[in-house]
Protein backbone atom coordinates (compact mmCIF):
# COMPACT_ATOMS: atom_id res chain seq x y z
CA MET A 1 39.65 -39.31 55.61
CA LYS A 2 38.41 -42.44 53.38
CA THR A 3 35.42 -41.19 54.36
CA ALA A 4 35.90 -37.62 52.74
CA ASN A 5 37.52 -39.67 49.57
CA MET A 6 34.35 -41.66 49.26
CA LEU A 7 32.45 -38.92 50.01
CA VAL A 8 33.48 -37.01 46.94
CA VAL A 9 33.59 -39.87 44.44
CA LEU A 10 29.76 -40.69 45.23
CA MET A 11 29.21 -37.08 44.67
CA ALA A 12 31.12 -37.29 41.26
CA LEU A 13 29.29 -40.77 40.35
CA ALA A 14 26.00 -39.09 41.39
CA ILE A 15 26.92 -35.34 39.16
CA ILE A 16 27.75 -37.91 36.05
CA GLY A 17 24.91 -40.21 36.40
CA VAL A 18 22.65 -37.19 36.50
CA ILE A 19 24.35 -35.89 33.33
CA MET A 20 23.83 -38.99 31.58
CA GLY A 21 20.41 -39.53 32.56
CA ASP A 22 19.22 -36.59 31.59
CA ARG A 23 21.15 -36.82 28.34
CA MET A 24 19.47 -39.62 27.57
CA TYR A 25 15.88 -37.92 28.73
CA VAL A 26 16.73 -34.66 26.42
CA SER A 27 17.77 -36.76 23.41
CA LYS A 28 14.27 -38.85 23.40
CA PHE A 29 12.27 -34.97 23.12
CA GLN A 30 14.78 -33.25 20.52
CA GLU A 31 12.65 -34.51 17.73
CA LYS A 32 9.67 -33.16 19.41
CA PHE A 33 12.05 -29.74 19.66
CA ARG A 34 12.70 -29.77 16.08
CA GLU A 35 8.75 -30.36 14.99
CA LEU A 36 7.98 -27.25 17.40
CA GLU A 37 9.98 -25.25 16.11
CA LYS A 38 8.81 -26.01 12.76
CA GLN A 39 5.79 -25.28 13.75
CA ARG A 40 6.10 -22.26 15.00
CA ILE A 41 7.98 -21.07 12.26
CA ILE A 42 4.96 -22.12 9.83
CA THR A 43 3.00 -20.08 12.24
CA SER A 44 5.01 -17.15 12.28
CA ASN A 45 5.37 -17.16 8.52
CA LYS A 46 0.90 -17.38 8.43
CA LEU A 47 0.81 -14.76 11.01
CA THR A 48 2.98 -12.52 8.98
CA THR A 49 0.78 -13.43 5.61
CA ALA A 50 -1.82 -12.33 7.37
CA LYS A 51 -0.54 -8.99 8.67
CA ILE A 52 -0.34 -8.49 4.60
CA VAL A 53 -3.48 -9.60 3.46
CA HIS A 54 -5.09 -7.44 6.53
CA GLU A 55 -2.93 -4.38 5.02
CA ASN A 56 -3.59 -4.76 1.46
CA LEU A 57 -7.21 -5.42 2.73
CA PHE A 58 -7.56 -1.90 4.49
CA HIS A 59 -6.27 -0.45 1.25
CA VAL A 60 -8.21 -2.08 -1.24
CA ARG A 61 -11.26 -0.66 1.15
CA ASP A 62 -9.86 3.35 1.00
CA LEU A 63 -9.58 2.98 -2.40
CA VAL A 64 -12.86 1.78 -2.06
CA PHE A 65 -14.71 4.45 -0.65
CA LYS A 66 -11.76 7.10 -2.12
CA ASN A 67 -13.59 6.28 -5.56
CA MET A 68 -17.16 5.43 -4.90
CA ASP A 69 -19.92 7.40 -3.80
CA PHE A 70 -22.36 5.91 -1.17
CA PRO A 71 -25.17 6.55 -0.71
CA GLY A 72 -25.95 8.17 3.37
CA GLN A 73 -22.43 9.12 3.39
CA PRO A 74 -21.41 12.45 2.09
CA ASP A 75 -17.65 13.42 2.00
CA THR A 76 -16.96 16.39 4.45
CA ILE A 77 -14.22 17.47 2.18
CA HIS A 78 -14.92 17.52 -2.08
CA HIS A 79 -13.11 14.93 -3.77
CA GLU A 80 -11.92 18.07 -5.94
CA SER A 81 -10.26 19.23 -3.22
CA HIS A 82 -8.56 16.10 -2.17
CA PHE A 83 -7.76 15.73 -5.92
CA PHE A 84 -5.98 19.81 -5.69
CA ASP A 85 -4.51 18.66 -2.59
CA PHE A 86 -2.73 15.84 -3.83
CA ILE A 87 -1.45 17.63 -7.22
CA THR A 88 -0.15 20.50 -5.21
CA THR A 89 1.50 17.94 -2.26
CA CYS A 90 3.02 15.95 -5.68
CA VAL A 91 4.47 18.75 -7.18
CA ASN A 92 6.11 20.39 -4.19
CA ASP A 93 7.49 17.43 -3.02
CA LEU A 94 9.46 16.95 -6.34
CA LYS A 95 10.44 20.86 -6.62
CA LEU A 96 8.21 20.92 -9.84
CA LYS A 97 6.26 23.97 -11.02
CA LEU A 98 2.71 23.78 -11.40
CA ILE A 99 1.54 26.41 -13.77
CA SER A 100 -2.16 25.80 -14.28
CA VAL A 101 -4.92 23.46 -13.61
CA GLU A 102 -7.92 23.97 -15.62
CA PRO A 103 -11.27 21.07 -14.54
CA LYS A 104 -13.20 20.03 -17.54
CA ARG A 105 -16.96 19.78 -17.67
CA PRO A 106 -17.52 16.23 -15.64
CA VAL A 107 -18.89 13.47 -18.41
CA VAL A 108 -21.26 10.78 -16.77
CA ARG A 109 -21.73 7.42 -18.33
CA GLY A 110 -23.79 4.83 -16.63
CA ARG A 111 -22.53 5.14 -12.75
CA ILE A 112 -19.17 6.36 -14.06
CA THR A 113 -18.40 9.73 -13.34
CA THR A 114 -15.12 11.28 -15.38
CA TYR A 115 -13.36 14.48 -14.24
CA SER A 116 -11.00 15.58 -16.22
CA TYR A 117 -8.20 18.48 -15.87
CA ASP A 118 -5.39 20.18 -18.21
CA ILE A 119 -2.84 20.41 -16.27
CA GLU A 120 0.67 21.83 -17.47
CA VAL A 121 4.06 21.78 -14.86
CA GLU A 122 7.77 22.53 -15.86
CA GLY A 123 10.73 20.81 -14.48
CA ASP A 124 13.10 18.18 -14.62
CA PHE A 125 12.22 15.63 -17.05
CA PHE A 126 13.02 13.02 -14.68
CA LYS A 127 10.83 14.45 -11.72
CA PHE A 128 7.87 14.52 -14.32
CA GLY A 129 7.90 10.63 -14.29
CA GLU A 130 8.40 10.36 -10.66
CA LEU A 131 5.14 12.45 -10.62
CA CYS A 132 3.86 9.52 -12.92
CA ALA A 133 4.24 6.89 -10.44
CA LYS A 134 2.61 8.95 -8.19
CA PHE A 135 -0.30 9.47 -10.05
CA GLU A 136 -0.51 5.39 -10.50
CA ASN A 137 0.23 4.92 -6.36
CA SER A 138 -2.65 7.69 -5.83
CA ARG A 139 -5.68 6.27 -3.43
CA ARG A 140 -8.02 7.78 -6.11
CA ILE A 141 -7.55 6.55 -9.51
CA ILE A 142 -5.81 8.90 -11.80
CA SER A 143 -5.18 7.80 -15.37
CA LEU A 144 -2.89 10.01 -17.56
CA GLU A 145 -4.85 10.22 -20.88
CA SER A 146 -2.52 12.27 -22.48
CA PHE A 147 0.74 14.75 -22.55
CA LYS A 148 3.08 16.80 -24.46
CA VAL A 149 6.62 17.92 -23.74
CA SER A 150 8.50 20.65 -24.76
CA LEU A 151 11.90 22.26 -24.06
CA VAL A 152 12.50 25.26 -22.03
CA ASP A 153 14.32 28.16 -23.08
CA LYS A 154 16.24 28.30 -19.90
CA SER A 155 18.80 25.63 -18.65
CA GLU A 156 20.20 25.23 -15.27
CA LYS A 157 23.94 24.64 -14.36
CA ILE A 158 24.00 21.47 -11.83
CA GLU A 159 27.34 20.31 -10.38
CA GLY A 160 29.95 19.41 -12.69
CA GLY A 161 29.48 22.20 -15.23
CA ALA A 162 26.82 20.61 -17.40
CA GLU A 163 23.31 21.93 -18.16
CA LYS A 164 20.39 20.71 -16.83
CA LYS A 165 17.10 21.45 -19.62
CA ALA A 166 13.95 21.97 -17.93
CA ILE A 167 10.67 20.66 -19.83
CA HIS A 168 7.14 21.90 -20.20
CA VAL A 169 4.69 19.47 -19.85
CA GLU A 170 0.95 19.81 -20.81
CA MET A 171 -1.71 16.86 -19.68
CA THR A 172 -4.66 15.88 -19.33
CA LEU A 173 -5.51 13.72 -16.19
CA ASN A 174 -8.79 12.13 -15.55
CA THR A 175 -10.27 10.87 -12.07
CA TYR A 176 -13.23 8.43 -11.38
CA ARG A 177 -15.89 9.00 -9.22
CA VAL A 178 -18.81 5.61 -9.11
CA GLN A 179 -21.95 5.57 -8.25
CA LYS A 180 -23.05 2.12 -6.27
CA ALA A 181 -25.34 -0.21 -7.84
CA PRO A 182 -28.96 0.65 -6.97
CA ALA A 183 -30.51 -2.16 -5.05
CA GLN A 184 -32.69 -5.22 -7.11
CA THR A 185 -36.17 -4.20 -5.98
CA GLY A 186 -37.29 -6.80 -8.28
CA ALA A 187 -35.28 -9.58 -7.06
CA ALA A 188 -36.44 -8.67 -3.75
CA GLU A 189 -39.97 -8.16 -4.78
CA GLN A 190 -40.50 -11.63 -6.20
CA THR A 191 -39.06 -13.41 -3.44
CA THR A 192 -41.49 -11.83 -0.79
CA ALA A 193 -44.16 -12.60 -3.59
CA GLY A 194 -43.12 -16.38 -3.43
CA LYS A 195 -43.21 -16.58 0.26
CA SER A 196 -46.45 -14.96 0.52
């Protein structure tokens, strides 16, 4: 009986000793654990920032390819088709009525070709504001050069019995196409002449 009691006491003392030793051993590493956690958070933040930069760079690359003409890289779909598709999609999404789209003659100034369009839409005033926001977020550079707003005679009933007046908007939009700068052959020729 005494042997069994002694064995239980020794086991209890051994367990207490192991726990105390473990606590002393782990306490030495608490500062290292805190430092590792700080480094993990910093690395995680850097990876998130790198991902955002990566996505933004792809967006910028996409903007460049959508708005520039590169030699030897023909568009499978003409840029005007992209523009018309964008306009009709935006107008349909916002439940506006597209009255007309009239392209003007392109204007070339240096490397920039400006394509202008006279567009007429009808609908809600706030939807027109959303349409302008869509122009701003387009992958093609679109500038709203001018617009004229007038009330339409017809009005719609909305919930609560109030009337919602429709507007008619005439606007001029510009899109741009930029030619890539020609290679500077003069500088290259001077370099090869200096070497020979």
